[in-house]
């Protein structure tokens, strides 16, 4: 018996070693993440092929091989097949998208809207930048920033709205949105589960840059009517307060807008405040300031007395001469913070100390009688004795 054990034990060790050496090896070229709402996993890249599985946004996969525009991947469930290489994000890009989301969450919402067409979400402004996701038509988004980038045509995003006669610049919006996943699956990022256009779909928060003209802003009626009559294109709006009215409290709005093409370097060039007049039962323009070069984000808050305030950075439109007490001069590239306060229905610009900015009043013209007397006195002084 003892002799049999001495033979059996080494034999089992040899068998185990051989099994480990000749085990099926899963050679991988790295990892990736699916960047589309739904991706089909195909059996091959030939014209005749079969669907093996469906992958969804955020699914982690192992990259087994690459061939031209296709990538062979292994899903978490063990299925191996081929997908479009453009729909697989590298781990570095996935981490970058997470940082973009953290950055977008820290910014106040400037406007809301919906996508007009299917549009790609990019890591940076520009059509040649890495693609993070593709939104379908009519998807709600929140705008938190803006930029301008050179226009460039890419193969996966045809757009005939720019021809050779137009400037090769276009507006890009930094947005927060939701990527969808089928119901019953775990989200890859922690978030509240909500419902989108498809009943039961789960959503994952996502952020990035999309072409500005591909978004239709969801303007409140008062903002739409006011900006339309003033021939202003609204780019941001906020509810400052609510005014009492027999029919119910009416919101009072701050609107930032601009005129001209959307690819201008300034985020907005004028601001307006619309307040509610209960006696006339209508909105009125309580404040207008133009000739600005404002920068997003606009931040809305409260003064120490609870009055609505808003602030933003704006380029200085001229130089400020130095004096004996001045520390230096400002140029047109400097940014200054502007602070405004809504007092009842009056808007005032505020100093750093919290006091309204003093405005210089135009001197009134003297009465006609005084002018005539001065002219007569001047004539007498010039007469010879």
Protein backbone atom coordinates (compact mmCIF):
# COMPACT_ATOMS: atom_id res chain seq x y z
CA UNK A 1 0.00 0.00 0.00
CA UNK A 2 2.79 2.32 0.92
CA UNK A 3 4.56 1.53 -2.34
CA UNK A 4 1.39 2.32 -4.32
CA UNK A 5 1.11 5.72 -2.65
CA UNK A 6 4.71 6.50 -3.48
CA UNK A 7 3.93 5.84 -7.13
CA UNK A 8 0.48 7.48 -7.25
CA UNK A 9 1.39 10.80 -5.66
CA UNK A 10 4.22 11.69 -8.09
CA UNK A 11 2.05 10.51 -10.98
CA UNK A 12 -0.78 12.85 -9.95
CA UNK A 13 1.66 15.72 -9.66
CA UNK A 14 2.94 15.07 -13.17
CA UNK A 15 -0.60 14.93 -14.56
CA UNK A 16 -1.51 18.18 -12.83
CA UNK A 17 1.60 19.88 -14.15
CA UNK A 18 0.91 18.73 -17.71
CA UNK A 19 -2.71 19.91 -17.45
CA UNK A 20 -1.58 23.34 -16.33
CA UNK A 21 1.02 23.59 -19.11
CA UNK A 22 -1.41 22.58 -21.84
CA UNK A 23 -4.39 24.53 -20.47
CA UNK A 24 -6.32 26.74 -22.97
CA UNK A 25 -4.65 30.14 -22.89
CA UNK A 26 -6.62 33.37 -23.31
CA UNK A 27 -4.10 35.65 -24.96
CA UNK A 28 -5.31 39.24 -24.93
CA UNK A 29 -4.04 42.50 -26.36
CA UNK A 30 -5.58 44.57 -23.60
CA UNK A 31 -8.97 45.74 -22.40
CA UNK A 32 -11.62 48.05 -23.74
CA UNK A 33 -15.08 49.48 -23.10
CA UNK A 34 -18.09 49.59 -25.41
CA UNK A 35 -18.92 53.17 -26.45
CA UNK A 36 -22.33 52.57 -28.07
CA UNK A 37 -25.80 52.03 -26.67
CA UNK A 38 -26.01 48.59 -28.30
CA UNK A 39 -23.37 46.71 -30.33
CA UNK A 40 -23.76 43.33 -32.04
CA UNK A 41 -21.06 40.75 -31.47
CA UNK A 42 -20.53 38.93 -34.78
CA UNK A 43 -19.15 35.45 -35.42
CA UNK A 44 -16.76 36.72 -38.13
CA UNK A 45 -16.00 39.70 -40.34
CA UNK A 46 -17.15 37.93 -43.50
CA UNK A 47 -20.29 38.99 -45.35
CA UNK A 48 -22.03 35.81 -44.20
CA UNK A 49 -21.95 35.87 -40.40
CA UNK A 50 -24.11 35.28 -37.37
CA UNK A 51 -24.87 37.47 -34.35
CA UNK A 52 -23.52 35.93 -31.14
CA UNK A 53 -24.41 38.45 -28.46
CA UNK A 54 -25.28 42.10 -27.76
CA UNK A 55 -22.94 44.44 -25.90
CA UNK A 56 -23.92 47.77 -24.39
CA UNK A 57 -22.39 51.06 -23.35
CA UNK A 58 -19.76 50.64 -20.64
CA UNK A 59 -19.36 46.85 -20.99
CA UNK A 60 -15.79 45.83 -20.30
CA UNK A 61 -14.27 43.47 -22.89
CA UNK A 62 -10.94 41.77 -23.53
CA UNK A 63 -9.32 42.55 -26.88
CA UNK A 64 -8.24 39.30 -28.54
CA UNK A 65 -7.22 40.47 -32.03
CA UNK A 66 -7.46 43.34 -34.50
CA UNK A 67 -8.06 43.26 -38.25
CA UNK A 68 -8.48 46.44 -40.29
CA UNK A 69 -11.56 48.26 -38.94
CA UNK A 70 -12.66 45.39 -36.70
CA UNK A 71 -11.68 44.19 -33.24
CA UNK A 72 -12.11 40.69 -31.86
CA UNK A 73 -13.25 40.82 -28.25
CA UNK A 74 -14.25 38.51 -25.41
CA UNK A 75 -17.22 39.64 -23.34
CA UNK A 76 -17.57 39.23 -19.58
CA UNK A 77 -19.85 36.27 -20.29
CA UNK A 78 -17.15 34.49 -22.30
CA UNK A 79 -18.57 35.10 -25.80
CA UNK A 80 -15.88 35.81 -28.41
CA UNK A 81 -16.64 37.70 -31.61
CA UNK A 82 -16.00 40.75 -33.78
CA UNK A 83 -17.18 44.36 -33.40
CA UNK A 84 -16.50 47.67 -35.14
CA UNK A 85 -13.18 48.96 -33.76
CA UNK A 86 -14.56 52.52 -33.48
CA UNK A 87 -17.04 51.34 -30.87
CA UNK A 88 -14.41 50.12 -28.41
CA UNK A 89 -12.76 52.67 -26.12
CA UNK A 90 -9.27 52.20 -24.76
CA UNK A 91 -9.01 52.23 -20.93
CA UNK A 92 -7.26 55.63 -21.01
CA UNK A 93 -10.16 57.15 -22.97
CA UNK A 94 -12.68 55.54 -20.62
CA UNK A 95 -10.92 57.14 -17.65
CA UNK A 96 -10.86 60.41 -19.52
CA UNK A 97 -14.61 60.25 -20.03
CA UNK A 98 -15.05 59.73 -16.27
CA UNK A 99 -12.99 62.88 -15.59
CA UNK A 100 -15.11 64.82 -18.09
CA UNK A 101 -18.21 63.73 -16.21
CA UNK A 102 -16.74 64.90 -12.88
CA UNK A 103 -15.86 68.24 -14.48
CA UNK A 104 -19.34 68.66 -15.96
CA UNK A 105 -21.03 67.81 -12.66
CA UNK A 106 -19.13 70.65 -10.98
CA UNK A 107 -20.45 73.26 -13.45
CA UNK A 108 -23.87 74.96 -13.26
CA UNK A 109 -26.33 74.22 -16.05
CA UNK A 110 -26.46 77.12 -18.53
CA UNK A 111 -29.21 75.86 -20.83
CA UNK A 112 -31.21 72.75 -21.75
CA UNK A 113 -32.17 71.27 -25.07
CA UNK A 114 -32.53 68.20 -27.28
CA UNK A 115 -30.44 66.81 -30.10
CA UNK A 116 -31.78 67.60 -33.58
CA UNK A 117 -30.03 64.68 -35.27
CA UNK A 118 -27.84 61.74 -34.34
CA UNK A 119 -24.57 63.29 -33.19
CA UNK A 120 -21.26 62.08 -31.81
CA UNK A 121 -20.05 62.97 -28.34
CA UNK A 122 -16.34 63.90 -28.37
CA UNK A 123 -13.67 64.11 -25.69
CA UNK A 124 -12.71 67.64 -26.86
CA UNK A 125 -14.17 70.23 -29.26
CA UNK A 126 -13.53 69.14 -32.83
CA UNK A 127 -14.77 66.40 -35.14
CA UNK A 128 -11.38 64.68 -35.25
CA UNK A 129 -11.25 64.27 -31.45
CA UNK A 130 -11.83 60.83 -29.84
CA UNK A 131 -15.43 59.67 -29.92
CA UNK A 132 -17.09 58.74 -26.63
CA UNK A 133 -20.69 57.97 -27.59
CA UNK A 134 -23.41 58.73 -30.14
CA UNK A 135 -26.70 60.33 -29.16
CA UNK A 136 -29.81 59.65 -31.16
CA UNK A 137 -32.31 62.27 -32.26
CA UNK A 138 -34.41 64.01 -29.59
CA UNK A 139 -32.17 63.13 -26.63
CA UNK A 140 -32.29 65.70 -23.77
CA UNK A 141 -28.98 67.31 -22.82
CA UNK A 142 -27.80 69.91 -20.30
CA UNK A 143 -25.34 72.55 -21.53
CA UNK A 144 -22.58 73.53 -19.09
CA UNK A 145 -19.96 75.12 -21.37
CA UNK A 146 -19.06 76.34 -24.84
CA UNK A 147 -16.08 76.56 -27.16
CA UNK A 148 -15.17 77.12 -30.81
CA UNK A 149 -13.12 74.73 -32.94
CA UNK A 150 -11.96 74.41 -36.53
CA UNK A 151 -14.45 72.69 -38.78
CA UNK A 152 -13.33 69.41 -40.35
CA UNK A 153 -15.29 66.76 -42.24
CA UNK A 154 -14.93 63.20 -40.93
CA UNK A 155 -16.06 59.93 -42.46
CA UNK A 156 -18.52 58.96 -39.72
CA UNK A 157 -20.24 62.38 -39.47
CA UNK A 158 -21.46 63.73 -42.80
CA UNK A 159 -22.63 67.31 -42.69
CA UNK A 160 -23.38 69.38 -45.78
CA UNK A 161 -24.31 72.54 -43.86
CA UNK A 162 -20.77 73.90 -44.18
CA UNK A 163 -19.61 74.65 -47.72
CA UNK A 164 -16.34 76.10 -48.96
CA UNK A 165 -17.66 79.67 -48.84
CA UNK A 166 -18.33 79.58 -45.08
CA UNK A 167 -15.70 80.14 -42.37
CA UNK A 168 -14.19 76.90 -41.17
CA UNK A 169 -15.17 77.38 -37.56
CA UNK A 170 -18.06 75.96 -35.58
CA UNK A 171 -19.54 76.14 -32.11
CA UNK A 172 -19.17 73.22 -29.69
CA UNK A 173 -21.16 72.70 -26.48
CA UNK A 174 -19.94 70.96 -23.34
CA UNK A 175 -22.94 68.90 -22.24
CA UNK A 176 -24.20 66.38 -19.71
CA UNK A 177 -26.45 63.62 -20.96
CA UNK A 178 -27.52 60.03 -20.39
CA UNK A 179 -26.36 56.87 -22.13
CA UNK A 180 -28.98 54.11 -22.18
CA UNK A 181 -28.74 50.43 -21.32
CA UNK A 182 -31.37 47.69 -21.50
CA UNK A 183 -33.46 47.17 -18.35
CA UNK A 184 -32.26 44.79 -15.66
CA UNK A 185 -28.51 45.33 -16.22
CA UNK A 186 -26.14 46.84 -13.70
CA UNK A 187 -24.89 50.35 -14.37
CA UNK A 188 -21.15 50.69 -14.84
CA UNK A 189 -21.15 54.05 -13.09
CA UNK A 190 -23.03 54.85 -9.93
CA UNK A 191 -26.07 56.99 -10.70
CA UNK A 192 -29.78 57.23 -10.12
CA UNK A 193 -31.67 54.95 -12.47
CA UNK A 194 -34.09 56.92 -14.60
CA UNK A 195 -36.30 56.24 -17.57
CA UNK A 196 -35.56 57.60 -21.06
CA UNK A 197 -37.45 57.40 -24.32
CA UNK A 198 -37.66 53.60 -24.15
CA UNK A 199 -39.75 52.44 -21.17
CA UNK A 200 -37.63 50.51 -18.70
CA UNK A 201 -34.25 51.53 -20.12
CA UNK A 202 -31.64 52.35 -17.51
CA UNK A 203 -29.39 55.36 -17.91
CA UNK A 204 -25.76 56.17 -17.20
CA UNK A 205 -24.57 59.80 -16.88
CA UNK A 206 -22.11 60.88 -19.53
CA UNK A 207 -20.43 64.15 -20.54
CA UNK A 208 -18.51 65.52 -23.51
CA UNK A 209 -18.61 67.90 -26.48
CA UNK A 210 -21.11 68.01 -29.35
CA UNK A 211 -21.66 70.36 -32.30
CA UNK A 212 -23.69 73.36 -31.16
CA UNK A 213 -26.06 73.59 -34.11
CA UNK A 214 -27.07 69.95 -33.58
CA UNK A 215 -28.88 71.00 -30.37
CA UNK A 216 -32.28 72.72 -30.23
CA UNK A 217 -32.60 74.75 -27.03
CA UNK A 218 -35.75 74.25 -24.94
CA UNK A 219 -36.44 77.95 -24.28
CA UNK A 220 -39.21 79.03 -21.89
CA UNK A 221 -41.96 80.93 -23.67
CA UNK A 222 -41.05 84.28 -22.10
CA UNK A 223 -37.39 83.88 -23.11
CA UNK A 224 -38.26 82.79 -26.65
CA UNK A 225 -40.62 85.70 -27.23
CA UNK A 226 -38.29 88.28 -25.71
CA UNK A 227 -35.17 87.22 -27.59
CA UNK A 228 -37.05 86.75 -30.86
CA UNK A 229 -38.43 90.29 -30.79
CA UNK A 230 -34.94 91.63 -30.02
CA UNK A 231 -33.32 89.53 -32.76
CA UNK A 232 -31.07 87.85 -30.17
CA UNK A 233 -29.98 84.22 -30.13
CA UNK A 234 -30.24 82.97 -26.55
CA UNK A 235 -27.35 80.80 -25.36
CA UNK A 236 -28.11 80.59 -21.63
CA UNK A 237 -30.97 81.41 -19.28
CA UNK A 238 -31.74 81.21 -15.56
CA UNK A 239 -34.66 81.73 -13.25
CA UNK A 240 -33.65 84.52 -10.86
CA UNK A 241 -36.81 84.69 -8.74
CA UNK A 242 -40.60 84.40 -8.83
CA UNK A 243 -43.04 87.31 -8.80
CA UNK A 244 -46.42 87.12 -7.09
CA UNK A 245 -49.43 87.06 -9.40
CA UNK A 246 -53.13 86.19 -8.89
CA UNK A 247 -52.76 83.35 -11.41
CA UNK A 248 -49.68 81.95 -9.66
CA UNK A 249 -46.03 82.85 -9.15
CA UNK A 250 -44.28 83.91 -12.37
CA UNK A 251 -40.56 83.19 -12.93
CA UNK A 252 -38.28 86.12 -13.71
CA UNK A 253 -35.42 85.33 -16.09
CA UNK A 254 -31.84 86.25 -16.79
CA UNK A 255 -30.93 85.61 -20.44
CA UNK A 256 -27.50 85.68 -22.08
CA UNK A 257 -27.51 85.98 -25.84
CA UNK A 258 -25.63 87.03 -28.93
CA UNK A 259 -26.10 88.16 -32.50
CA UNK A 260 -24.35 86.96 -35.60
CA UNK A 261 -22.83 83.54 -36.38
CA UNK A 262 -22.57 80.89 -33.68
CA UNK A 263 -18.78 80.48 -34.06
CA UNK A 264 -17.93 83.83 -32.43
CA UNK A 265 -15.18 83.70 -29.78
CA UNK A 266 -17.37 85.32 -27.09
CA UNK A 267 -19.83 82.98 -25.39
CA UNK A 268 -22.39 85.81 -25.22
CA UNK A 269 -22.40 89.53 -26.06
CA UNK A 270 -25.42 90.82 -24.12
CA UNK A 271 -27.50 90.04 -21.06
CA UNK A 272 -31.16 90.77 -20.41
CA UNK A 273 -33.46 90.44 -17.40
CA UNK A 274 -37.19 89.86 -17.92
CA UNK A 275 -39.47 90.66 -14.96
CA UNK A 276 -43.20 90.10 -14.55
CA UNK A 277 -45.59 93.07 -14.34
CA UNK A 278 -48.78 91.86 -12.60
CA UNK A 279 -50.67 95.07 -13.39
CA UNK A 280 -50.14 94.74 -17.13
CA UNK A 281 -50.10 90.94 -17.00
CA UNK A 282 -46.98 90.65 -19.11
CA UNK A 283 -43.20 90.31 -19.07
CA UNK A 284 -41.08 93.45 -19.39
CA UNK A 285 -37.40 93.97 -20.13
CA UNK A 286 -36.03 95.34 -16.87
CA UNK A 287 -32.35 95.39 -17.82
CA UNK A 288 -30.15 95.23 -20.93
CA UNK A 289 -26.37 95.35 -21.21
CA UNK A 290 -24.70 94.97 -24.58
CA UNK A 291 -21.20 95.08 -26.07
CA UNK A 292 -19.99 92.36 -23.71
CA UNK A 293 -17.62 89.50 -24.33
CA UNK A 294 -18.94 87.21 -21.64
CA UNK A 295 -17.62 83.80 -20.67
CA UNK A 296 -19.50 80.79 -19.36
CA UNK A 297 -20.32 79.71 -16.77
CA UNK A 298 -22.79 82.25 -15.44
CA UNK A 299 -23.40 81.59 -11.75
CA UNK A 300 -26.63 82.55 -9.99
CA UNK A 301 -26.89 82.96 -6.24
CA UNK A 302 -28.24 85.15 -3.41
CA UNK A 303 -26.95 88.32 -1.77
CA UNK A 304 -26.60 88.55 2.05
CA UNK A 305 -30.11 90.05 2.06
CA UNK A 306 -31.50 87.22 -0.07
CA UNK A 307 -31.71 89.19 -3.31
CA UNK A 308 -30.93 87.32 -6.55
CA UNK A 309 -27.39 87.80 -7.85
CA UNK A 310 -25.54 86.58 -10.90
CA UNK A 311 -21.89 86.77 -11.94
CA UNK A 312 -19.62 85.87 -14.84
CA UNK A 313 -16.24 86.66 -16.35
CA UNK A 314 -15.99 89.13 -19.23
CA UNK A 315 -13.14 90.40 -21.35
CA UNK A 316 -12.15 93.98 -20.71
CA UNK A 317 -13.01 95.86 -23.89
CA UNK A 318 -10.32 98.49 -23.47
CA UNK A 319 -7.22 99.47 -21.55
CA UNK A 320 -7.19 101.21 -18.20
CA UNK A 321 -4.54 103.89 -17.75
CA UNK A 322 -2.22 103.56 -14.80
CA UNK A 323 -2.12 106.17 -12.09
CA UNK A 324 -0.11 106.89 -8.95
CA UNK A 325 -2.17 104.36 -6.99
CA UNK A 326 -2.70 101.89 -9.81
CA UNK A 327 -0.78 98.66 -9.75
CA UNK A 328 -0.78 98.15 -13.51
CA UNK A 329 -2.74 98.43 -16.72
CA UNK A 330 -5.37 96.13 -18.16
CA UNK A 331 -5.43 94.96 -21.73
CA UNK A 332 -8.19 93.55 -23.93
CA UNK A 333 -7.12 90.01 -23.00
CA UNK A 334 -7.83 90.50 -19.29
CA UNK A 335 -10.93 88.99 -17.69
CA UNK A 336 -12.87 90.66 -14.94
CA UNK A 337 -15.68 89.30 -12.82
CA UNK A 338 -18.97 91.16 -13.15
CA UNK A 339 -21.57 90.87 -10.41
CA UNK A 340 -25.20 92.01 -10.74
CA UNK A 341 -28.08 92.10 -8.27
CA UNK A 342 -31.83 92.15 -8.85
CA UNK A 343 -33.54 94.53 -6.41
CA UNK A 344 -37.30 94.29 -6.85
CA UNK A 345 -37.44 94.93 -10.60
CA UNK A 346 -34.18 96.91 -10.84
CA UNK A 347 -30.81 95.38 -11.75
CA UNK A 348 -27.63 96.97 -10.47
CA UNK A 349 -24.00 96.07 -11.05
CA UNK A 350 -22.23 95.47 -7.72
CA UNK A 351 -18.73 96.39 -6.53
CA UNK A 352 -16.56 93.81 -4.78
CA UNK A 353 -17.59 95.31 -1.44
CA UNK A 354 -21.27 94.72 -2.17
CA UNK A 355 -22.26 98.31 -3.05
CA UNK A 356 -23.91 99.19 -6.36
CA UNK A 357 -21.65 100.68 -9.02
CA UNK A 358 -22.04 104.46 -9.11
CA UNK A 359 -23.35 105.78 -12.40
CA UNK A 360 -22.50 109.25 -13.69
CA UNK A 361 -25.57 111.32 -14.47
CA UNK A 362 -25.65 113.62 -17.45
CA UNK A 363 -25.76 117.28 -16.50
CA UNK A 364 -29.04 118.98 -17.26
CA UNK A 365 -29.14 121.76 -19.80
CA UNK A 366 -29.48 125.26 -18.22
CA UNK A 367 -32.77 127.10 -18.67
CA UNK A 368 -33.13 129.16 -21.81
CA UNK A 369 -33.48 132.38 -19.80
CA UNK A 370 -30.12 131.84 -18.10
CA UNK A 371 -28.49 131.11 -21.44
CA UNK A 372 -29.86 134.32 -22.95
CA UNK A 373 -28.65 136.38 -19.98
CA UNK A 374 -25.15 134.90 -20.26
CA UNK A 375 -24.99 135.73 -23.97
CA UNK A 376 -26.03 139.34 -23.36
CA UNK A 377 -23.46 139.73 -20.57
CA UNK A 378 -20.76 138.35 -22.83
CA UNK A 379 -21.67 140.88 -25.57
CA UNK A 380 -21.52 143.83 -23.13
CA UNK A 381 -18.07 142.78 -21.90
CA UNK A 382 -16.74 142.98 -25.44
CA UNK A 383 -18.22 146.43 -26.16
CA UNK A 384 -15.76 149.33 -26.12
CA UNK A 385 -16.36 152.18 -23.60
